[in-house]
Protein backbone atom coordinates (compact mmCIF):
# COMPACT_ATOMS: atom_id res chain seq x y z
CA UNK A 1 34.26 44.59 42.41
CA UNK A 2 31.94 47.17 43.82
CA UNK A 3 28.34 46.46 42.96
CA UNK A 4 26.62 48.02 45.93
CA UNK A 5 25.51 51.60 46.24
CA UNK A 6 25.94 53.94 49.15
CA UNK A 7 23.01 53.19 51.38
CA UNK A 8 21.09 56.26 52.46
CA UNK A 9 19.85 56.95 55.93
CA UNK A 10 17.84 59.72 57.53
CA UNK A 11 20.03 61.72 59.84
CA UNK A 12 18.54 63.15 62.97
CA UNK A 13 19.35 66.76 63.79
CA UNK A 14 22.78 66.93 65.40
CA UNK A 15 23.46 63.23 64.84
CA UNK A 16 26.88 62.17 63.62
CA UNK A 17 26.79 59.33 61.10
CA UNK A 18 29.50 56.69 61.04
CA UNK A 19 30.43 55.40 57.60
CA UNK A 20 30.76 51.59 57.53
CA UNK A 21 32.16 49.65 54.59
CA UNK A 22 30.64 46.16 54.41
CA UNK A 23 32.34 43.56 52.19
CA UNK A 24 29.99 40.79 51.02
CA UNK A 25 31.33 37.67 49.29
CA UNK A 26 28.25 35.67 48.21
CA UNK A 27 26.63 35.91 44.79
CA UNK A 28 23.27 35.06 46.34
CA UNK A 29 21.34 37.07 48.91
CA UNK A 30 22.91 40.46 48.23
CA UNK A 31 19.52 42.11 47.67
CA UNK A 32 18.27 40.86 51.04
CA UNK A 33 21.41 42.04 52.81
CA UNK A 34 21.23 45.39 51.06
CA UNK A 35 17.66 45.92 52.25
CA UNK A 36 18.61 44.96 55.80
CA UNK A 37 21.57 47.32 55.81
CA UNK A 38 19.32 50.12 54.57
CA UNK A 39 17.04 49.43 57.53
CA UNK A 40 19.99 49.44 59.91
CA UNK A 41 21.20 52.75 58.45
CA UNK A 42 17.81 54.39 58.96
CA UNK A 43 17.38 53.09 62.49
CA UNK A 44 20.90 53.87 63.73
CA UNK A 45 21.81 56.97 61.72
CA UNK A 46 24.85 55.43 60.04
CA UNK A 47 25.96 55.27 56.40
CA UNK A 48 26.68 51.75 55.21
CA UNK A 49 28.35 50.96 51.89
CA UNK A 50 27.94 47.44 50.52
CA UNK A 51 30.70 46.03 48.35
CA UNK A 52 30.44 42.64 46.68
CA UNK A 53 33.42 40.46 45.81
CA UNK A 54 33.90 36.95 44.44
CA UNK A 55 34.89 34.21 46.86
CA UNK A 56 38.07 33.59 44.84
CA UNK A 57 39.18 37.21 45.20
CA UNK A 58 38.19 37.66 48.83
CA UNK A 59 41.32 36.45 50.61
CA UNK A 60 44.04 38.04 48.43
CA UNK A 61 42.09 41.29 48.10
CA UNK A 62 41.57 41.60 51.84
CA UNK A 63 45.18 40.85 52.74
CA UNK A 64 46.34 43.42 50.19
CA UNK A 65 43.90 46.03 51.52
CA UNK A 66 45.11 45.49 55.10
CA UNK A 67 48.72 46.01 53.99
CA UNK A 68 47.66 49.20 52.21
CA UNK A 69 45.52 50.45 55.09
CA UNK A 70 42.34 50.43 52.99
CA UNK A 71 40.52 47.39 54.41
CA UNK A 72 36.75 47.25 54.78
CA UNK A 73 35.43 47.83 58.28
CA UNK A 74 33.59 44.49 58.35
CA UNK A 75 33.62 41.44 56.10
CA UNK A 76 30.94 38.78 55.67
CA UNK A 77 32.82 35.56 54.88
CA UNK A 78 32.87 31.78 55.39
CA UNK A 79 34.21 30.80 58.80
CA UNK A 80 37.40 29.14 57.51
CA UNK A 81 38.41 32.67 56.53
CA UNK A 82 39.25 33.10 60.21
CA UNK A 83 42.41 31.11 59.42
CA UNK A 84 44.03 34.31 58.12
CA UNK A 85 43.27 36.25 61.32
CA UNK A 86 46.96 37.10 61.75
CA UNK A 87 47.47 38.35 58.19
CA UNK A 88 44.14 40.17 58.17
CA UNK A 89 44.70 41.67 61.62
CA UNK A 90 41.23 40.54 62.66
CA UNK A 91 39.89 41.90 65.92
CA UNK A 92 39.28 39.41 68.69
CA UNK A 93 35.55 39.20 69.31
CA UNK A 94 34.35 39.46 72.92
CA UNK A 95 31.98 36.71 74.00
CA UNK A 96 29.49 39.36 75.09
CA UNK A 97 28.97 40.27 71.44
CA UNK A 98 27.77 36.76 70.52
CA UNK A 99 24.06 36.04 70.75
CA UNK A 100 23.16 33.64 73.55
CA UNK A 101 21.09 31.75 70.98
CA UNK A 102 24.20 30.81 68.97
CA UNK A 103 25.34 27.41 70.19
CA UNK A 104 28.90 26.58 71.20
CA UNK A 105 29.59 24.27 68.24
CA UNK A 106 28.86 27.05 65.77
CA UNK A 107 31.07 29.43 67.73
CA UNK A 108 33.96 26.97 67.42
CA UNK A 109 33.86 27.34 63.64
CA UNK A 110 34.93 30.96 64.11
CA UNK A 111 37.55 30.30 66.79
CA UNK A 112 41.26 29.57 66.93
CA UNK A 113 42.71 28.31 70.21
CA UNK A 114 39.42 29.21 71.91
CA UNK A 115 39.67 32.82 70.75
CA UNK A 116 36.78 34.14 68.66
CA UNK A 117 37.72 36.04 65.52
CA UNK A 118 34.31 36.06 63.89
CA UNK A 119 30.64 36.52 64.74
CA UNK A 120 28.49 33.73 63.25
CA UNK A 121 25.49 35.10 61.37
CA UNK A 122 24.45 32.08 59.29
CA UNK A 123 25.16 28.37 59.30
CA UNK A 124 25.08 25.52 56.83
CA UNK A 125 26.95 26.41 53.65
CA UNK A 126 26.65 22.68 52.98
CA UNK A 127 25.94 20.59 49.91
CA UNK A 128 22.79 18.54 49.37
CA UNK A 129 21.00 16.70 46.57
CA UNK A 130 18.47 18.55 44.44
CA UNK A 131 16.21 16.83 41.94
CA UNK A 132 13.58 17.76 39.37
CA UNK A 133 10.27 16.12 40.27
CA UNK A 134 9.22 16.17 36.61
CA UNK A 135 12.12 13.85 35.82
CA UNK A 136 12.42 11.88 39.06
CA UNK A 137 9.61 9.95 40.73
CA UNK A 138 11.60 8.77 43.75
CA UNK A 139 14.99 10.29 44.67
CA UNK A 140 18.00 7.99 44.77
CA UNK A 141 19.55 6.90 48.05
CA UNK A 142 22.66 5.16 46.65
CA UNK A 143 24.96 5.72 43.69
CA UNK A 144 24.06 2.27 42.42
CA UNK A 145 20.42 3.31 42.11
CA UNK A 146 21.51 6.33 40.05
CA UNK A 147 23.37 3.99 37.72
CA UNK A 148 20.17 1.96 37.34
CA UNK A 149 18.21 5.12 36.44
CA UNK A 150 20.80 6.36 33.95
CA UNK A 151 19.29 4.63 30.90
CA UNK A 152 15.93 6.34 31.33
CA UNK A 153 17.64 9.74 31.57
CA UNK A 154 19.67 8.96 28.45
CA UNK A 155 16.45 8.14 26.60
CA UNK A 156 14.90 11.40 27.78
CA UNK A 157 17.94 13.33 26.57
CA UNK A 158 18.94 14.66 29.99
CA UNK A 159 22.07 14.15 32.07
CA UNK A 160 21.74 12.08 35.22
CA UNK A 161 23.52 14.39 37.66
CA UNK A 162 25.70 17.47 37.66
CA UNK A 163 28.00 19.27 40.05
CA UNK A 164 31.23 21.25 39.98
CA UNK A 165 33.38 18.14 39.55
CA UNK A 166 36.83 19.72 39.86
CA UNK A 167 35.94 22.02 42.76
CA UNK A 168 37.37 20.59 45.98
CA UNK A 169 34.48 21.64 48.22
CA UNK A 170 32.48 18.93 46.44
CA UNK A 171 35.23 16.29 46.50
CA UNK A 172 35.93 16.90 50.20
CA UNK A 173 32.55 15.39 51.08
CA UNK A 174 33.61 12.10 49.49
CA UNK A 175 36.83 12.10 51.51
CA UNK A 176 34.81 12.78 54.68
CA UNK A 177 32.41 9.96 53.85
CA UNK A 178 35.21 7.42 53.55
CA UNK A 179 36.43 8.49 57.00
CA UNK A 180 39.04 11.09 56.13
CA UNK A 181 39.41 14.64 57.40
CA UNK A 182 41.31 17.41 55.70
CA UNK A 183 42.70 18.59 59.01
CA UNK A 184 42.76 17.42 62.59
CA UNK A 185 43.45 20.35 64.86
CA UNK A 186 46.55 22.07 63.51
CA UNK A 187 47.59 19.06 61.42
CA UNK A 188 46.99 18.55 57.71
CA UNK A 189 45.72 14.99 57.17
CA UNK A 190 45.37 14.41 53.44
CA UNK A 191 47.54 11.31 53.06
CA UNK A 192 45.32 8.99 55.09
CA UNK A 193 43.99 5.69 53.63
CA UNK A 194 40.50 7.12 52.93
CA UNK A 195 42.02 9.47 50.35
CA UNK A 196 42.87 6.53 48.08
CA UNK A 197 39.32 5.19 48.34
CA UNK A 198 37.74 8.62 47.82
CA UNK A 199 39.81 9.47 44.74
CA UNK A 200 39.20 6.14 43.05
CA UNK A 201 35.47 6.17 43.81
CA UNK A 202 35.13 9.77 42.64
CA UNK A 203 36.89 8.97 39.39
CA UNK A 204 34.70 5.90 38.87
CA UNK A 205 31.59 8.09 38.88
CA UNK A 206 32.97 9.86 35.83
CA UNK A 207 34.30 6.77 34.04
CA UNK A 208 30.91 5.07 34.46
CA UNK A 209 29.26 8.07 32.84
CA UNK A 210 27.22 9.20 35.84
CA UNK A 211 28.82 12.64 35.86
CA UNK A 212 31.10 14.41 33.43
CA UNK A 213 34.59 15.19 34.72
CA UNK A 214 34.30 18.36 32.61
CA UNK A 215 31.34 19.61 34.64
CA UNK A 216 31.64 23.15 35.98
CA UNK A 217 29.30 24.93 38.38
CA UNK A 218 26.78 25.42 35.56
CA UNK A 219 26.15 21.64 35.38
CA UNK A 220 24.62 21.69 38.84
CA UNK A 221 23.04 25.11 38.58
CA UNK A 222 22.14 26.53 35.16
CA UNK A 223 21.62 23.12 33.51
CA UNK A 224 19.51 21.98 36.46
CA UNK A 225 17.31 25.08 36.27
CA UNK A 226 16.86 24.52 32.52
CA UNK A 227 15.84 20.87 32.98
CA UNK A 228 18.93 19.50 31.26
CA UNK A 229 19.97 17.44 34.28
CA UNK A 230 17.79 15.36 36.62
CA UNK A 231 19.84 15.70 39.81
CA UNK A 232 22.27 18.32 41.05
CA UNK A 233 24.60 18.51 44.01
CA UNK A 234 24.72 22.11 45.14
CA UNK A 235 24.71 24.15 48.33
CA UNK A 236 22.10 25.71 50.56
CA UNK A 237 23.02 29.02 48.95
CA UNK A 238 21.24 27.82 45.78
CA UNK A 239 17.93 26.93 47.43
CA UNK A 240 16.23 30.29 46.83
CA UNK A 241 17.22 30.36 43.16
CA UNK A 242 16.04 26.79 42.59
CA UNK A 243 12.73 27.48 44.34
CA UNK A 244 12.21 30.56 42.17
CA UNK A 245 12.82 28.73 38.89
CA UNK A 246 11.44 25.24 39.58
CA UNK A 247 8.69 25.94 42.10
CA UNK A 248 6.87 22.77 43.13
CA UNK A 249 9.05 20.70 40.79
CA UNK A 250 12.01 21.17 43.13
CA UNK A 251 12.91 18.27 45.38
CA UNK A 252 15.66 18.12 48.00
CA UNK A 253 17.12 14.90 49.39
CA UNK A 254 20.24 13.53 51.05
CA UNK A 255 23.28 13.05 48.84
CA UNK A 256 23.47 9.28 48.09
CA UNK A 257 25.18 6.93 50.51
CA UNK A 258 28.44 5.30 49.49
CA UNK A 259 27.69 1.69 50.31
CA UNK A 260 26.32 1.89 53.83
CA UNK A 261 28.15 5.12 54.60
CA UNK A 262 25.97 8.23 54.88
CA UNK A 263 27.36 11.10 52.84
CA UNK A 264 29.09 13.76 54.94
CA UNK A 265 29.59 17.11 53.21
CA UNK A 266 31.49 19.97 54.76
CA UNK A 267 29.66 22.75 56.56
CA UNK A 268 30.67 26.09 57.95
CA UNK A 269 29.21 29.17 59.49
CA UNK A 270 29.16 32.53 57.75
CA UNK A 271 30.66 35.18 59.94
CA UNK A 272 31.46 38.83 60.38
CA UNK A 273 35.17 39.52 60.73
CA UNK A 274 36.77 42.87 61.49
CA UNK A 275 40.00 43.49 59.54
CA UNK A 276 42.77 45.79 60.68
CA UNK A 277 41.40 45.65 64.25
CA UNK A 278 38.38 47.73 63.26
CA UNK A 279 36.36 46.47 66.23
CA UNK A 280 38.83 48.25 68.49
CA UNK A 281 38.92 51.44 66.43
CA UNK A 282 36.85 54.64 66.24
CA UNK A 283 33.93 52.83 64.57
CA UNK A 284 33.70 50.16 67.26
CA UNK A 285 30.34 51.20 68.66
CA UNK A 286 28.67 51.33 65.25
CA UNK A 287 30.14 47.93 64.30
CA UNK A 288 28.86 46.42 67.53
CA UNK A 289 25.39 47.81 66.80
CA UNK A 290 25.50 46.24 63.34
CA UNK A 291 26.61 42.90 64.81
CA UNK A 292 23.73 42.86 67.28
CA UNK A 293 21.29 43.83 64.53
CA UNK A 294 22.32 40.98 62.21
CA UNK A 295 22.02 38.45 65.05
CA UNK A 296 18.56 39.65 66.07
CA UNK A 297 15.64 37.25 65.75
CA UNK A 298 13.87 39.55 63.30
CA UNK A 299 16.84 39.74 60.92
CA UNK A 300 17.63 36.04 61.24
CA UNK A 301 14.06 35.27 60.23
CA UNK A 302 14.24 37.61 57.22
CA UNK A 303 17.47 35.97 56.05
CA UNK A 304 15.77 32.58 56.13
CA UNK A 305 12.44 33.58 54.63
CA UNK A 306 13.78 35.90 51.90
CA UNK A 307 17.19 34.41 51.02
CA UNK A 308 16.64 30.86 52.38
CA UNK A 309 19.87 31.11 54.38
CA UNK A 310 19.99 29.05 57.58
CA UNK A 311 20.10 31.20 60.74
CA UNK A 312 22.35 30.61 63.73
CA UNK A 313 19.50 31.46 66.11
CA UNK A 314 18.92 28.10 67.82
CA UNK A 315 15.32 28.89 68.77
CA UNK A 316 14.49 29.85 65.20
CA UNK A 317 16.14 26.67 63.87
CA UNK A 318 14.01 24.63 66.28
CA UNK A 319 10.91 26.42 64.99
CA UNK A 320 11.93 25.71 61.39
CA UNK A 321 12.40 22.02 62.18
CA UNK A 322 8.95 21.73 63.73
CA UNK A 323 7.25 23.43 60.78
CA UNK A 324 9.49 22.14 58.00
CA UNK A 325 8.21 20.67 54.76
CA UNK A 326 9.84 17.71 52.99
CA UNK A 327 12.52 19.82 51.32
CA UNK A 328 13.41 21.76 54.46
CA UNK A 329 13.62 18.52 56.45
CA UNK A 330 16.08 17.09 53.93
CA UNK A 331 18.20 20.25 54.00
CA UNK A 332 18.41 20.13 57.80
CA UNK A 333 19.00 16.36 57.85
CA UNK A 334 21.98 16.79 55.51
CA UNK A 335 23.36 19.52 57.78
CA UNK A 336 23.25 17.15 60.75
CA UNK A 337 25.50 14.75 58.83
CA UNK A 338 27.93 17.48 57.79
CA UNK A 339 31.49 17.88 59.06
CA UNK A 340 32.18 21.41 60.37
CA UNK A 341 35.12 22.99 58.61
CA UNK A 342 38.10 24.02 60.72
CA UNK A 343 39.01 27.67 61.16
CA UNK A 344 42.68 26.81 61.71
CA UNK A 345 45.20 28.11 59.18
CA UNK A 346 45.99 24.49 58.33
CA UNK A 347 42.60 24.32 56.58
CA UNK A 348 43.66 26.90 54.01
CA UNK A 349 46.86 24.99 53.27
CA UNK A 350 44.90 21.74 53.04
CA UNK A 351 42.70 23.25 50.33
CA UNK A 352 45.75 24.21 48.29
CA UNK A 353 47.36 20.77 48.62
CA UNK A 354 44.10 18.96 47.89
CA UNK A 355 43.54 20.94 44.71
CA UNK A 356 47.10 20.47 43.42
CA UNK A 357 47.10 16.71 43.98
CA UNK A 358 43.62 16.23 42.56
CA UNK A 359 44.52 18.07 39.36
CA UNK A 360 47.43 15.70 38.72
CA UNK A 361 45.31 12.66 39.58
CA UNK A 362 42.43 13.79 37.38
CA UNK A 363 44.79 14.24 34.43
CA UNK A 364 46.19 10.74 34.94
CA UNK A 365 49.67 12.01 35.79
CA UNK A 366 49.78 10.21 39.15
CA UNK A 367 47.72 7.47 40.81
CA UNK A 368 45.65 7.81 43.99
CA UNK A 369 48.49 6.74 46.30
CA UNK A 370 50.89 9.28 44.86
CA UNK A 371 48.18 11.94 44.83
CA UNK A 372 47.66 11.62 48.59
CA UNK A 373 51.39 11.89 49.21
CA UNK A 374 51.67 14.90 46.92
CA UNK A 375 48.70 16.64 48.54
CA UNK A 376 50.17 16.17 52.01
CA UNK A 377 53.64 17.38 51.07
CA UNK A 378 52.35 20.42 49.19
CA UNK A 379 49.97 21.40 51.99
CA UNK A 380 52.58 20.93 54.72
CA UNK A 381 55.06 23.07 52.79
CA UNK A 382 52.47 25.82 52.40
CA UNK A 383 51.47 25.61 56.06
CA UNK A 384 55.10 25.71 57.15
CA UNK A 385 55.60 28.89 55.14
CA UNK A 386 52.49 30.36 56.75
CA UNK A 387 53.84 29.65 60.25
CA UNK A 388 57.21 31.08 59.29
CA UNK A 389 55.59 34.29 58.06
CA UNK A 390 53.61 34.61 61.30
CA UNK A 391 56.82 34.43 63.33
């Protein structure tokens, strides 16, 4: 869905503008990106068009556009999107185009077999615990303490906690916390013992009435903003919206431990990828200029201050840590516990298998043991088909 407008720039006499199509997948932060792209257009005499698309539509739409020869010049996407580098004909990214202030670990999130297919612009993309200070005096540190607080929330007529219960990005953190990993290298690893523990614990949170298994994204977003829920598990992408609506009533904390295990959500970087080998095409120079611009200290700072997105600039992150308030400290502390998401194609197949098995488990069709087996088999079959198509 196109929601952006053609961004205008002032053309110098005799200058030749390059038209760049920029595909943006996030619901949040589009206004900040649009303003930055307007600035880039003015400064570099290029014409940039911003298109916005839902995360669910991003992958199929891009693959289709590459097949049709109509792909965007550059796409802003989560780093696991790199897993379709072959299908999307993504350009390899030269190391020289990566800012020296982007650390090696972040670069790995955009790499396959030590080859970069994306330029990290932001980091984080991780879940954390939000709470309403009007309803919560001291944030919980364990799930047991939430159970103990539940009665007072019931009396106040508010839900204890909300999140997108059936969305696997949320469940994956529970699997991580019990010691599981969705993938290890090029292997799908969903049928490991921690899956049984994670599924049963996750289900118990619903059966004990702490969270509704019917919760959608609105439970941890809209209902939280409206004061209908005391706690919410949501991502760093929601920080700016929550600050706008709750102001000083917004609190951020670590997601509760499971026993003595610190909660470990997934994290990723947000990267620029170049479909249909655009970085090697006639617009290469303009795309390189845009890449350098978005990695610049000035732009990284704007993205943090205006949209509350975490920069990849290591010096800026260090500055933020030194000057952070209580909420910012919690956001960064949760990131340090996060598990970076793989960019391997196996990750995409793991998501599909995880979702299919969870749906059957959540409906009571199969138990946790069978769910893990089903997830693994489904994901391996999908991954095998992916490898077959590549060859």
